[in-house]
Protein backbone atom coordinates (compact mmCIF):
# COMPACT_ATOMS: atom_id res chain seq x y z
CA MET A 1 43.32 60.05 -26.96
CA GLU A 2 45.05 57.33 -29.30
CA SER A 3 47.57 56.47 -27.12
CA GLU A 4 45.04 55.15 -24.42
CA PHE A 5 43.03 53.20 -27.23
CA ALA A 6 45.81 51.73 -28.02
CA GLN A 7 47.15 51.03 -24.65
CA ALA A 8 43.95 49.59 -24.06
CA TRP A 9 44.18 47.15 -27.29
CA GLY A 10 47.38 46.07 -26.31
CA LYS A 11 46.30 44.31 -22.92
CA MET A 12 43.34 42.83 -24.05
CA LYS A 13 45.17 41.54 -26.99
CA GLU A 14 47.99 40.23 -24.44
CA LYS A 15 44.88 38.78 -22.50
CA LEU A 16 43.64 37.32 -24.98
CA LEU A 17 46.80 35.78 -26.36
CA GLY A 18 47.42 34.45 -22.33
CA TRP A 19 43.96 33.02 -22.31
CA VAL A 20 45.38 31.23 -26.28
CA ASP A 21 48.45 30.00 -24.30
CA THR A 22 46.68 28.49 -21.34
CA LEU A 23 44.18 26.78 -23.45
CA ILE A 24 47.20 25.45 -25.63
CA LEU A 25 48.65 24.37 -22.73
CA ASN A 26 45.69 22.48 -21.10
CA LEU A 27 44.57 21.00 -23.95
CA PRO A 28 45.75 17.39 -23.11
CA ASN A 29 43.91 18.25 -19.65
CA PHE A 30 40.64 18.73 -21.66
CA LEU A 31 40.66 16.05 -23.50
CA ILE A 32 41.45 13.36 -20.82
CA ALA A 33 38.72 15.04 -18.96
CA LEU A 34 36.42 14.52 -21.74
CA VAL A 35 37.70 10.58 -22.82
CA VAL A 36 37.10 10.07 -18.36
CA PHE A 37 33.73 11.74 -18.27
CA ILE A 38 32.83 9.52 -21.96
CA ILE A 39 34.12 6.36 -19.97
CA SER A 40 32.21 7.29 -17.02
CA VAL A 41 28.95 7.62 -18.65
CA ILE A 42 29.50 4.48 -20.75
CA LEU A 43 30.45 2.71 -17.03
CA SER A 44 27.53 4.21 -15.30
CA LYS A 45 24.68 2.12 -17.99
CA TYR A 46 26.92 -1.46 -17.46
CA ILE A 47 26.84 -0.75 -13.59
CA SER A 48 23.20 0.11 -13.46
CA ARG A 49 22.32 -2.92 -15.57
CA ALA A 50 24.55 -5.11 -13.08
CA VAL A 51 23.07 -3.77 -10.02
CA ASP A 52 19.38 -4.33 -12.08
CA LYS A 53 20.28 -7.67 -12.68
CA LEU A 54 21.58 -8.62 -9.44
CA LEU A 55 18.34 -6.43 -7.14
CA GLN A 56 16.08 -9.16 -9.61
CA ARG A 57 17.28 -12.27 -7.46
CA SER A 58 15.51 -10.33 -4.52
CA SER A 59 11.80 -9.54 -3.49
CA MET A 60 11.96 -5.93 -4.07
CA GLN A 61 9.18 -4.34 -6.52
CA ASP A 62 10.46 -3.58 -9.72
CA SER A 63 9.60 0.36 -9.07
CA MET A 64 11.88 0.40 -6.96
CA ARG A 65 14.64 -1.57 -8.44
CA ASN A 66 14.42 0.31 -11.31
CA LEU A 67 14.71 3.72 -9.27
CA ILE A 68 18.07 2.31 -7.32
CA SER A 69 19.55 1.13 -10.52
CA ARG A 70 19.02 4.53 -11.53
CA LEU A 71 20.73 6.27 -8.52
CA VAL A 72 24.11 4.11 -9.34
CA SER A 73 23.91 5.45 -12.05
CA ILE A 74 23.80 8.75 -11.08
CA VAL A 75 26.78 8.20 -8.36
CA VAL A 76 28.81 7.03 -10.80
CA ILE A 77 28.54 10.06 -13.23
CA LEU A 78 28.59 12.22 -10.44
CA LEU A 79 32.15 10.74 -9.34
CA GLY A 80 33.18 10.79 -13.25
CA LEU A 81 32.31 14.49 -12.83
CA PHE A 82 34.59 14.92 -9.98
CA LEU A 83 37.34 13.29 -11.53
CA VAL A 84 37.12 15.50 -14.80
CA LEU A 85 37.23 19.12 -12.35
CA GLY A 86 40.22 17.18 -10.60
CA ILE A 87 42.23 16.65 -14.11
CA LEU A 88 41.32 20.69 -15.04
CA ASN A 89 43.12 21.69 -11.45
CA LEU A 90 39.35 23.25 -10.40
CA SER A 91 39.88 22.10 -7.08
CA ARG A 92 38.50 25.65 -6.05
CA ALA A 93 35.40 25.32 -7.90
CA LEU A 94 34.90 21.61 -6.92
CA ASN A 95 35.11 22.61 -2.89
CA THR A 96 32.90 25.62 -3.93
CA ILE A 97 30.48 23.07 -5.45
CA LEU A 98 30.53 21.06 -2.10
CA ALA A 99 29.61 23.51 0.10
CA GLY A 100 26.95 24.87 -2.21
CA ALA A 101 25.90 21.44 -2.16
CA GLY A 102 25.74 20.86 1.33
CA VAL A 103 24.01 24.11 2.24
CA ALA A 104 21.73 23.69 -0.73
CA GLY A 105 20.88 20.01 0.70
CA LEU A 106 19.98 21.18 4.12
CA ALA A 107 18.28 23.26 2.78
CA VAL A 108 16.14 21.35 0.56
CA GLY A 109 15.92 18.57 3.52
CA LEU A 110 14.03 20.76 5.88
CA ALA A 111 11.65 21.96 3.20
CA LEU A 112 10.98 18.15 1.33
CA GLN A 113 10.52 16.58 5.23
CA GLY A 114 7.54 14.81 4.63
CA ALA A 115 8.49 13.94 0.94
CA LEU A 116 11.84 12.65 1.84
CA ALA A 117 9.67 10.32 4.47
CA ASN A 118 7.82 8.93 2.12
CA THR A 119 10.42 7.82 -0.53
CA TYR A 120 12.61 6.42 2.81
CA SER A 121 9.14 4.40 4.26
CA GLY A 122 8.99 3.53 0.08
CA ILE A 123 12.35 1.66 0.17
CA VAL A 124 11.42 0.71 3.94
CA LEU A 125 8.32 -1.84 2.27
CA SER A 126 10.10 -2.76 -1.20
CA TYR A 127 12.35 -4.60 1.20
CA VAL A 128 9.67 -5.85 3.49
CA LYS A 129 8.27 -9.42 2.75
CA TYR A 130 4.56 -8.88 4.22
CA ILE A 131 3.52 -6.73 1.68
CA LYS A 132 3.90 -7.12 -2.14
CA PHE A 133 2.32 -6.43 -5.21
CA GLY A 134 -0.63 -8.62 -5.95
CA ASP A 135 -1.66 -9.33 -1.85
CA TRP A 136 -4.80 -8.36 -0.69
CA ILE A 137 -4.51 -5.81 2.44
CA HIS A 138 -6.14 -3.80 5.33
CA THR A 139 -4.63 -0.81 6.59
CA ASN A 140 -5.52 2.76 7.80
CA GLY A 141 -9.14 2.02 6.87
CA TYR A 142 -8.72 1.09 3.63
CA GLU A 143 -8.64 -2.53 2.09
CA GLY A 144 -7.73 -3.45 -1.39
CA GLU A 145 -5.09 -5.36 -3.25
CA VAL A 146 -2.02 -3.99 -4.00
CA VAL A 147 -1.22 -2.68 -7.34
CA ASN A 148 2.16 -0.69 -6.79
CA ILE A 149 4.81 0.89 -4.54
CA ASP A 150 6.31 3.62 -5.40
CA LEU A 151 8.25 6.28 -3.46
CA ARG A 152 5.56 8.32 -2.59
CA SER A 153 2.77 6.16 -2.19
CA VAL A 154 0.79 2.57 -1.58
CA THR A 155 -1.90 2.02 -4.27
CA LEU A 156 -4.56 -0.51 -3.54
CA ARG A 157 -7.43 -1.37 -5.92
CA GLN A 158 -10.21 -1.77 -3.84
CA PRO A 159 -13.71 -3.96 -4.09
CA ASP A 160 -15.46 -1.46 -6.27
CA ASN A 161 -12.38 -0.92 -8.77
CA ASN A 162 -11.92 2.39 -7.15
CA MET A 163 -7.71 3.11 -6.71
CA VAL A 164 -6.91 4.50 -3.16
CA TYR A 165 -3.44 5.87 -2.69
CA ILE A 166 -2.22 5.75 0.82
CA PRO A 167 1.00 7.77 1.87
CA ASN A 168 4.07 4.95 2.66
CA LYS A 169 4.45 6.97 5.74
CA ILE A 170 1.18 6.09 7.59
CA VAL A 171 1.66 2.26 6.26
CA VAL A 172 4.75 1.58 7.33
CA GLU A 173 3.94 3.59 10.87
CA ASN A 174 0.36 2.04 11.09
CA PRO A 175 -0.57 -1.87 11.66
CA ILE A 176 -1.32 -3.90 8.31
CA LYS A 177 -3.44 -7.05 7.82
CA ASN A 178 -2.28 -8.65 5.24
CA TYR A 179 -5.18 -11.58 3.86
CA SER A 180 -2.48 -12.88 1.27
CA THR A 181 0.07 -13.72 3.70
CA THR A 182 -1.66 -17.43 4.70
CA ALA A 183 -3.77 -20.12 2.06
CA GLN A 184 -7.06 -20.29 4.30
CA SER A 185 -9.07 -17.58 6.13
CA ARG A 186 -11.61 -18.09 8.23
CA VAL A 187 -15.23 -17.50 7.69
CA ILE A 188 -17.19 -16.45 10.60
CA LEU A 189 -21.22 -16.37 10.79
CA SER A 190 -23.77 -15.38 13.45
CA CYS A 191 -27.45 -15.38 13.13
CA GLY A 192 -30.55 -16.41 15.44
CA VAL A 193 -33.16 -18.60 15.92
CA GLY A 194 -36.70 -18.90 17.29
CA TYR A 195 -36.94 -19.43 20.83
CA SER A 196 -39.00 -22.74 20.01
CA SER A 197 -36.53 -24.06 18.32
CA ASP A 198 -34.15 -27.45 18.16
CA LEU A 199 -30.96 -26.19 19.38
CA GLU A 200 -29.80 -29.69 18.38
CA GLN A 201 -31.66 -29.98 15.19
CA VAL A 202 -30.53 -26.11 14.30
CA ARG A 203 -26.93 -27.17 15.03
CA GLN A 204 -26.88 -30.58 13.04
CA VAL A 205 -28.34 -28.29 9.96
CA VAL A 206 -26.06 -25.36 9.65
CA GLN A 207 -22.91 -27.99 9.98
CA GLU A 208 -24.49 -30.44 7.26
CA THR A 209 -25.47 -27.35 5.13
CA ILE A 210 -22.06 -25.96 5.30
CA VAL A 211 -20.27 -28.92 4.13
CA GLN A 212 -22.42 -29.56 1.57
CA THR A 213 -21.62 -26.26 0.64
CA PHE A 214 -18.29 -25.61 0.60
CA GLU A 215 -15.70 -28.46 -0.67
CA GLU A 216 -12.79 -26.80 1.81
CA VAL A 217 -14.68 -28.10 4.75
CA GLY A 218 -14.38 -31.89 4.88
CA SER A 219 -16.63 -32.71 8.08
CA ALA A 220 -19.01 -31.43 10.96
CA GLU A 221 -15.69 -31.62 13.35
CA ASP A 222 -13.97 -29.04 10.89
CA ILE A 223 -16.81 -26.36 12.29
CA ILE A 224 -17.08 -24.13 15.47
CA PHE A 225 -20.78 -24.11 16.00
CA LEU A 226 -21.43 -21.79 19.44
CA TYR A 227 -24.76 -20.84 20.39
CA THR A 228 -23.60 -17.43 22.09
CA GLU A 229 -26.51 -15.39 24.25
CA PHE A 230 -30.00 -15.35 24.91
CA GLY A 231 -31.38 -12.70 22.83
CA SER A 232 -34.19 -10.20 22.99
CA SER A 233 -36.28 -12.31 20.49
CA SER A 234 -33.67 -15.26 19.69
CA ILE A 235 -30.82 -17.28 20.51
CA ASN A 236 -28.34 -16.27 18.95
CA PHE A 237 -25.49 -17.99 17.73
CA GLU A 238 -21.86 -18.48 15.92
CA THR A 239 -20.66 -20.68 13.07
CA ARG A 240 -16.77 -20.45 12.13
CA PHE A 241 -15.51 -22.47 9.38
CA TRP A 242 -11.73 -22.69 7.13
CA ILE A 243 -11.77 -21.70 3.33
CA GLU A 244 -8.97 -21.52 0.90
CA SER A 245 -8.93 -17.82 0.54
CA THR A 246 -6.19 -15.31 0.31
CA SER A 247 -8.43 -12.12 0.10
CA ALA A 248 -11.13 -10.48 2.17
CA LEU A 249 -13.02 -9.88 -0.79
CA GLN A 250 -13.43 -13.63 -1.17
CA VAL A 251 -14.59 -14.33 2.41
CA ALA A 252 -17.38 -12.23 2.19
CA ASN A 253 -18.53 -14.13 -0.78
CA SER A 254 -17.95 -17.62 0.83
CA LYS A 255 -19.99 -15.50 4.12
CA THR A 256 -22.73 -14.60 1.37
CA ARG A 257 -23.12 -18.08 0.27
CA ALA A 258 -23.24 -19.93 3.58
CA MET A 259 -26.16 -17.04 4.47
CA ILE A 260 -28.27 -18.14 1.62
CA ALA A 261 -27.80 -22.34 1.73
CA ILE A 262 -28.66 -22.09 5.69
CA LYS A 263 -31.48 -19.69 4.92
CA GLY A 264 -32.62 -22.23 2.65
CA ALA A 265 -32.28 -25.26 4.78
CA PHE A 266 -34.18 -23.41 7.88
CA ASP A 267 -36.54 -23.16 5.17
CA SER A 268 -37.06 -26.67 4.57
CA GLU A 269 -36.44 -27.86 8.17
CA GLY A 270 -39.22 -25.18 9.64
CA ILE A 271 -36.78 -23.16 11.81
CA ASN A 272 -37.56 -19.63 12.27
CA ILE A 273 -35.21 -16.59 11.97
CA PRO A 274 -37.45 -14.11 13.98
CA PHE A 275 -37.77 -10.36 13.08
CA PRO A 276 -37.11 -8.44 16.64
CA ILE A 277 -40.42 -8.44 18.43
CA ARG A 278 -41.73 -6.85 21.91
CA THR A 279 -43.93 -8.34 24.38
CA LEU A 280 -46.34 -5.76 26.24
CA ASP A 281 -47.00 -6.85 29.69
CA PHE A 282 -50.07 -4.92 31.22
CA SER A 283 -50.97 -5.28 35.09
CA GLY A 284 -54.58 -6.26 34.74
CA PRO A 285 -57.29 -6.64 31.45
CA LEU A 286 -57.70 -3.36 29.04
CA ARG A 287 -60.99 -1.57 28.90
CA VAL A 288 -62.02 0.28 25.86
CA GLU A 289 -63.95 3.37 26.08
CA HIS A 290 -66.22 4.15 23.39
CA THR A 291 -66.68 7.82 23.28
CA SER A 292 -69.91 9.58 21.73
CA ASP A 293 -69.56 12.36 18.88
CA PRO A 294 -70.77 15.19 19.95
CA GLY A 295 -72.48 15.83 16.25
CA SER A 296 -73.77 12.63 15.86
CA ASN A 297 -77.80 11.50 16.41
CA THR A 298 -76.69 7.90 18.17
C-alpha cells in the first residue's frame, strides 16, 4: 500500500515538475503574447477614433457611426487574440475555436433572421440620403419627424407628440414619402358654392384671399383654381398653391388658415357654401286628410 502511494506521488510530482519546466520555457512566449494583446487593445481605441472621425465626413447617422467604430475596435481585438493564440502555439485550440464559431454563427443567424434583417436595413438607412434626422416622412401608414435611426427601428415623433417605432425592414421594403426633401409643398383645398353664385366672382375672391393670406403666393397667377363638378347641392371647386414648408403639419396648418380666410371672405361677399340638400318632386298636389278621433266630441 505504501509503495503504491509513493509511486503515485512520484508520478504526480514528475507531472508537476514537467508543467513548471514547460511554463518556464514558454515564459517568453507568454510575455510576448501579453504585450501583443495590450498593443491590440491600444490600437483598437486609436483605430476606432480614426474610423469615427472619417465617418463624420459622411452623412451617416450618429448611432450607426458609433456602432461601426465599435465593431472595428472589436475586430482589431479579435485579431490580437488570434495572434496571441498563434504565439502560444495553440493552433489546435484556434482551429477548434474557429470551427465552433462557424457552427455557432450559423445557428445564431437562423435564430435571428428578423433581427439581422432589421440590422442590415438599419445600415442601409444610415447611408441613404432621402431620410435623415429631422425629416418629416410618411411611411407604412405613419407620419412624423424622424428622431432616431438605430439597428432595430426608425423612430418617428407624430404630430400629437407620440413616438412610433417602425422596424427598419419594412421601412426599406415600403414606399417613403419625405416632405423635407424639397423647400416647398403644395396646399390643395376643395370646397363648394351654391348654384346661384357668380362663378367668376367666386374665383376672384378665392385668389385674392389666398394672395393676402400667404406671403409665399405672389399673385393670382401662382394659384391654380379649377371647378371640378356639379355636385348634388353645390358647384365644387379645387384650388392649389405652393407654400414654403418641409412638413405635412405645416401644410395642414396652412390649409386651416386658407379655410378660415376663404370662409370669412365668402361671408363678406354673400357667397353661400350650401348644406347638402334634397329636393322631393311629387307628381301631383299634396292632399291633407284630417282623421277624427273616436274619443272626441267634434
